[in-house]
Amino acid sequence: QVQLVESGGGLVQPGGSLRLSCKASGNIVRIFTMGWYRQAPGKQRELVAVIISGEITTYADSVKGRFTISRNSAKDTVYLQMNSLNSEDTAVYYCKVVVLSPAGDYWGQGTQVTVSS
C-alpha cells in the first residue's frame, strides 16, 4: 500500500506564493508520474501539473508561467511552487501518484488553497 501526505496549503493574498509538498511512502519500487490536481467548489477536478519519470512536465494553460512542479526522487516527494496566485486558484489541491511497481494510482487527502484579500 502507498500513502500520500500533502502539506503547504493555506490562505494567501492575491499575488502571493505558496509551495505544496506531497510525500509518498510505503512499498514503492518505481513511481511513474507524480502530479497535482485541483477542485474548486461546484467544478470538476482538473489537472494542474504533472511530472513524468522525474523529467517531463505538463501544465494546465491557466497556470503556465506561474506554477512549477518538481520532484525529489530520493525522497519520493513532489512539490508545486505556486506564484502570482489569484482568486481563480482557490481550490482543494490533490496529489496523485501513479506507481508502476506495485501498480496503482493513489490520491492524497487534499489540501485547501484559498486566495483572498
Protein backbone atom coordinates (compact mmCIF):
# COMPACT_ATOMS: atom_id res chain seq x y z
CA GLN A 1 0.00 0.00 0.00
CA VAL A 2 1.10 3.56 -0.77
CA GLN A 3 0.34 6.56 1.40
CA LEU A 4 0.49 10.20 0.32
CA VAL A 5 0.85 13.07 2.76
CA GLU A 6 0.30 16.59 1.48
CA SER A 7 1.25 19.85 3.12
CA GLY A 8 1.66 23.53 2.37
CA GLY A 9 -1.85 24.78 1.71
CA GLY A 10 -3.35 27.82 3.36
CA LEU A 11 -4.63 31.34 2.94
CA VAL A 12 -2.67 33.77 0.79
CA GLN A 13 -3.33 37.20 -0.65
CA PRO A 14 -3.64 37.75 -4.40
CA GLY A 15 -0.21 37.93 -5.96
CA GLY A 16 1.29 35.80 -3.23
CA SER A 17 3.01 32.43 -3.30
CA LEU A 18 2.62 29.01 -1.75
CA ARG A 19 4.55 25.77 -2.01
CA LEU A 20 2.76 22.44 -1.78
CA SER A 21 4.51 19.19 -0.93
CA CYS A 22 3.39 15.60 -1.29
CA LYS A 23 5.42 12.73 0.09
CA ALA A 24 4.77 9.16 -0.96
CA SER A 25 5.61 6.29 1.36
CA GLY A 26 5.03 2.59 1.54
CA ASN A 27 6.06 -0.37 -0.54
CA ILE A 28 7.17 1.64 -3.59
CA VAL A 29 9.55 0.21 -6.14
CA ARG A 30 9.04 2.61 -9.02
CA ILE A 31 6.96 5.74 -9.49
CA PHE A 32 5.82 6.69 -13.00
CA THR A 33 4.14 10.04 -12.55
CA MET A 34 3.54 12.49 -9.73
CA GLY A 35 1.08 15.29 -10.18
CA TRP A 36 -1.28 17.86 -8.77
CA TYR A 37 -4.98 18.28 -9.44
CA ARG A 38 -7.41 20.77 -8.01
CA GLN A 39 -11.12 21.03 -7.46
CA ALA A 40 -12.93 24.29 -6.87
CA PRO A 41 -16.45 24.39 -5.39
CA GLY A 42 -19.02 23.37 -7.99
CA LYS A 43 -16.38 22.41 -10.53
CA GLN A 44 -14.82 19.20 -11.72
CA ARG A 45 -11.38 18.13 -10.61
CA GLU A 46 -8.78 19.31 -13.10
CA LEU A 47 -5.14 18.66 -13.82
CA VAL A 48 -2.78 21.37 -12.65
CA ALA A 49 0.63 19.89 -13.37
CA VAL A 50 2.28 16.51 -13.71
CA ILE A 51 5.86 15.30 -13.86
CA ILE A 52 6.57 12.08 -15.72
CA SER A 53 9.52 9.87 -14.85
CA GLY A 54 11.01 12.80 -12.96
CA GLU A 55 11.73 14.72 -16.15
CA ILE A 56 8.80 15.59 -18.44
CA THR A 57 6.42 18.21 -17.12
CA THR A 58 2.95 19.24 -18.26
CA TYR A 59 0.91 22.19 -17.04
CA ALA A 60 -2.63 23.42 -17.39
CA ASP A 61 -2.75 26.53 -19.56
CA SER A 62 -4.15 28.53 -16.67
CA VAL A 63 -1.04 28.01 -14.54
CA LYS A 64 1.75 28.08 -17.13
CA GLY A 65 4.42 30.58 -16.20
CA ARG A 66 3.16 30.83 -12.63
CA PHE A 67 3.39 27.30 -11.21
CA THR A 68 6.39 24.98 -11.21
CA ILE A 69 6.27 21.26 -10.45
CA SER A 70 9.36 19.44 -9.29
CA ARG A 71 10.25 16.10 -7.79
CA ASN A 72 12.84 14.81 -5.37
CA SER A 73 13.13 11.19 -6.43
CA ALA A 74 15.29 10.24 -3.46
CA LYS A 75 12.53 11.36 -1.12
CA ASP A 76 9.58 10.29 -3.32
CA THR A 77 8.28 13.81 -2.91
CA VAL A 78 6.67 16.16 -5.40
CA TYR A 79 6.41 19.89 -4.99
CA LEU A 80 4.23 22.57 -6.55
CA GLN A 81 5.57 26.10 -6.33
CA MET A 82 2.70 28.49 -6.95
CA ASN A 83 3.43 32.15 -7.68
CA SER A 84 1.25 35.09 -8.67
CA LEU A 85 -1.78 33.43 -7.16
CA ASN A 86 -5.22 34.79 -7.90
CA SER A 87 -8.74 34.04 -6.71
CA GLU A 88 -9.30 31.54 -9.51
CA ASP A 89 -6.58 29.36 -7.99
CA THR A 90 -8.71 28.83 -4.88
CA ALA A 91 -9.44 25.11 -4.63
CA VAL A 92 -8.62 21.91 -2.84
CA TYR A 93 -5.37 20.62 -4.30
CA TYR A 94 -4.83 16.88 -4.55
CA CYS A 95 -1.64 14.97 -5.14
CA LYS A 96 -1.82 11.94 -7.41
CA VAL A 97 0.88 9.34 -7.86
CA VAL A 98 0.93 6.60 -10.47
CA VAL A 99 3.08 3.71 -9.34
CA LEU A 100 4.44 1.10 -11.73
CA SER A 101 5.53 -1.33 -9.07
CA PRO A 102 3.36 -2.19 -7.29
CA ALA A 103 0.92 -0.96 -9.93
CA GLY A 104 -1.70 1.52 -8.83
CA ASP A 105 -2.98 5.09 -8.74
CA TYR A 106 -3.02 6.86 -5.41
CA TRP A 107 -4.55 10.13 -4.25
CA GLY A 108 -3.68 12.36 -1.33
CA GLN A 109 -6.27 13.66 1.10
CA GLY A 110 -6.25 17.16 -0.39
CA THR A 111 -5.04 20.49 0.92
CA GLN A 112 -7.03 23.72 0.78
CA VAL A 113 -5.58 26.74 -1.00
CA THR A 114 -7.51 29.97 -0.58
CA VAL A 115 -6.51 33.16 -2.36
CA SER A 116 -8.23 36.14 -0.84
CA SER A 117 -7.53 39.63 0.42
